[in-house]
Amino acid sequence: MKMVWGLLSCVHLILWSSYSVIEWLSNKDSLLAKSILLLMFFYLSYLIALSFIEKRKAAFIFSVSSLLTFVFSYKVVIVLV
């Protein structure tokens, strides 16, 4: 079971990294378009977590925690750079 959580963490890291690259490439888009893109990536992360964990509540909690970790770390990197 520990391997599943580690693999899921790596997949989410790749997913959120690809989101940040896509957001960087679409810097001229509106805030609404970026918000919709964020929601789509969050839903995709939830579906991936659900396929790994197979429990809806645990998949949702893991997806929310990975999203919050990404947002906080992204803001820290932006401030430091």
C-alpha atoms as a PDB file:
ATOM      1  CA  MET A   1       0.000   0.000   0.000  1.00  0.00           C
ATOM      2  CA  LYS A   2       2.904   2.380   0.663  1.00  0.00           C
ATOM      3  CA  MET A   3       4.061   1.925  -2.914  1.00  0.00           C
ATOM      4  CA  VAL A   4       0.660   3.036  -4.205  1.00  0.00           C
ATOM      5  CA  TRP A   5       0.831   6.301  -2.228  1.00  0.00           C
ATOM      6  CA  GLY A   6       4.381   6.967  -3.425  1.00  0.00           C
ATOM      7  CA  LEU A   7       3.502   6.262  -7.043  1.00  0.00           C
ATOM      8  CA  LEU A   8       0.394   8.411  -6.774  1.00  0.00           C
ATOM      9  CA  SER A   9       2.471  11.243  -5.318  1.00  0.00           C
ATOM     10  CA  CYS A  10       4.880  11.032  -8.260  1.00  0.00           C
ATOM     11  CA  VAL A  11       2.012  11.041 -10.764  1.00  0.00           C
ATOM     12  CA  HIS A  12       0.473  14.097  -9.096  1.00  0.00           C
ATOM     13  CA  LEU A  13       3.831  15.839  -9.077  1.00  0.00           C
ATOM     14  CA  ILE A  14       4.125  15.271 -12.822  1.00  0.00           C
ATOM     15  CA  LEU A  15       0.531  16.418 -13.334  1.00  0.00           C
ATOM     16  CA  TRP A  16       0.946  19.676 -11.415  1.00  0.00           C
ATOM     17  CA  SER A  17       4.309  20.329 -13.057  1.00  0.00           C
ATOM     18  CA  SER A  18       2.672  20.012 -16.457  1.00  0.00           C
ATOM     19  CA  TYR A  19      -0.076  22.390 -15.298  1.00  0.00           C
ATOM     20  CA  SER A  20       2.498  25.004 -14.333  1.00  0.00           C
ATOM     21  CA  VAL A  21       4.198  24.677 -17.743  1.00  0.00           C
ATOM     22  CA  ILE A  22       0.857  25.046 -19.534  1.00  0.00           C
ATOM     23  CA  GLU A  23      -0.035  28.067 -17.404  1.00  0.00           C
ATOM     24  CA  TRP A  24       3.360  29.612 -18.144  1.00  0.00           C
ATOM     25  CA  LEU A  25       2.837  29.100 -21.896  1.00  0.00           C
ATOM     26  CA  SER A  26      -0.617  30.692 -21.766  1.00  0.00           C
ATOM     27  CA  ASN A  27       0.320  33.864 -19.935  1.00  0.00           C
ATOM     28  CA  LYS A  28      -1.980  36.022 -22.103  1.00  0.00           C
ATOM     29  CA  ASP A  29      -5.130  34.073 -21.192  1.00  0.00           C
ATOM     30  CA  SER A  30      -7.743  35.556 -18.919  1.00  0.00           C
ATOM     31  CA  LEU A  31      -8.195  34.644 -15.281  1.00  0.00           C
ATOM     32  CA  LEU A  32     -11.393  32.757 -16.152  1.00  0.00           C
ATOM     33  CA  ALA A  33      -9.564  30.546 -18.642  1.00  0.00           C
ATOM     34  CA  LYS A  34      -6.814  29.815 -16.118  1.00  0.00           C
ATOM     35  CA  SER A  35      -9.410  28.992 -13.464  1.00  0.00           C
ATOM     36  CA  ILE A  36     -11.173  26.574 -15.782  1.00  0.00           C
ATOM     37  CA  LEU A  37      -7.836  24.969 -16.609  1.00  0.00           C
ATOM     38  CA  LEU A  38      -7.083  24.600 -12.894  1.00  0.00           C
ATOM     39  CA  LEU A  39     -10.451  22.955 -12.294  1.00  0.00           C
ATOM     40  CA  MET A  40      -9.875  20.555 -15.188  1.00  0.00           C
ATOM     41  CA  PHE A  41      -6.480  19.563 -13.827  1.00  0.00           C
ATOM     42  CA  PHE A  42      -7.930  19.137 -10.349  1.00  0.00           C
ATOM     43  CA  TYR A  43     -10.654  16.859 -11.694  1.00  0.00           C
ATOM     44  CA  LEU A  44      -8.042  14.893 -13.621  1.00  0.00           C
ATOM     45  CA  SER A  45      -5.967  14.532 -10.457  1.00  0.00           C
ATOM     46  CA  TYR A  46      -9.066  13.306  -8.615  1.00  0.00           C
ATOM     47  CA  LEU A  47      -9.779  10.710 -11.308  1.00  0.00           C
ATOM     48  CA  ILE A  48      -6.187   9.502 -11.226  1.00  0.00           C
ATOM     49  CA  ALA A  49      -6.260   9.244  -7.442  1.00  0.00           C
ATOM     50  CA  LEU A  50      -9.585   7.414  -7.596  1.00  0.00           C
ATOM     51  CA  SER A  51      -8.156   4.869 -10.016  1.00  0.00           C
ATOM     52  CA  PHE A  52      -5.207   4.242  -7.676  1.00  0.00           C
ATOM     53  CA  ILE A  53      -6.974   4.324  -4.299  1.00  0.00           C
ATOM     54  CA  GLU A  54     -10.550   3.247  -5.227  1.00  0.00           C
ATOM     55  CA  LYS A  55     -12.075   5.139  -2.270  1.00  0.00           C
ATOM     56  CA  ARG A  56     -13.789   8.392  -3.147  1.00  0.00           C
ATOM     57  CA  LYS A  57     -13.173  10.245   0.097  1.00  0.00           C
ATOM     58  CA  ALA A  58      -9.492   9.302   0.287  1.00  0.00           C
ATOM     59  CA  ALA A  59      -9.005  10.201  -3.384  1.00  0.00           C
ATOM     60  CA  PHE A  60     -10.643  13.593  -2.874  1.00  0.00           C
ATOM     61  CA  ILE A  61      -8.598  14.347   0.250  1.00  0.00           C
ATOM     62  CA  PHE A  62      -5.374  13.328  -1.513  1.00  0.00           C
ATOM     63  CA  SER A  63      -6.233  15.478  -4.546  1.00  0.00           C
ATOM     64  CA  VAL A  64      -7.044  18.508  -2.411  1.00  0.00           C
ATOM     65  CA  SER A  65      -3.852  18.101  -0.399  1.00  0.00           C
ATOM     66  CA  SER A  66      -1.744  17.806  -3.557  1.00  0.00           C
ATOM     67  CA  LEU A  67      -3.460  20.892  -4.992  1.00  0.00           C
ATOM     68  CA  LEU A  68      -2.825  22.895  -1.824  1.00  0.00           C
ATOM     69  CA  THR A  69       0.788  21.726  -1.715  1.00  0.00           C
ATOM     70  CA  PHE A  70       1.228  22.782  -5.338  1.00  0.00           C
ATOM     71  CA  VAL A  71      -0.382  26.202  -4.799  1.00  0.00           C
ATOM     72  CA  PHE A  72       1.670  26.994  -1.688  1.00  0.00           C
ATOM     73  CA  SER A  73       4.936  25.814  -3.218  1.00  0.00           C
ATOM     74  CA  TYR A  74       4.184  27.649  -6.480  1.00  0.00           C
ATOM     75  CA  LYS A  75       3.598  30.890  -4.597  1.00  0.00           C
ATOM     76  CA  VAL A  76       6.835  30.452  -2.632  1.00  0.00           C
ATOM     77  CA  VAL A  77       8.843  29.843  -5.816  1.00  0.00           C
ATOM     78  CA  ILE A  78       7.269  32.865  -7.535  1.00  0.00           C
ATOM     79  CA  VAL A  79       8.080  35.097  -4.547  1.00  0.00           C
ATOM     80  CA  LEU A  80      11.674  33.864  -4.325  1.00  0.00           C
ATOM     81  CA  VAL A  81      12.355  34.251  -8.040  1.00  0.00           C
END
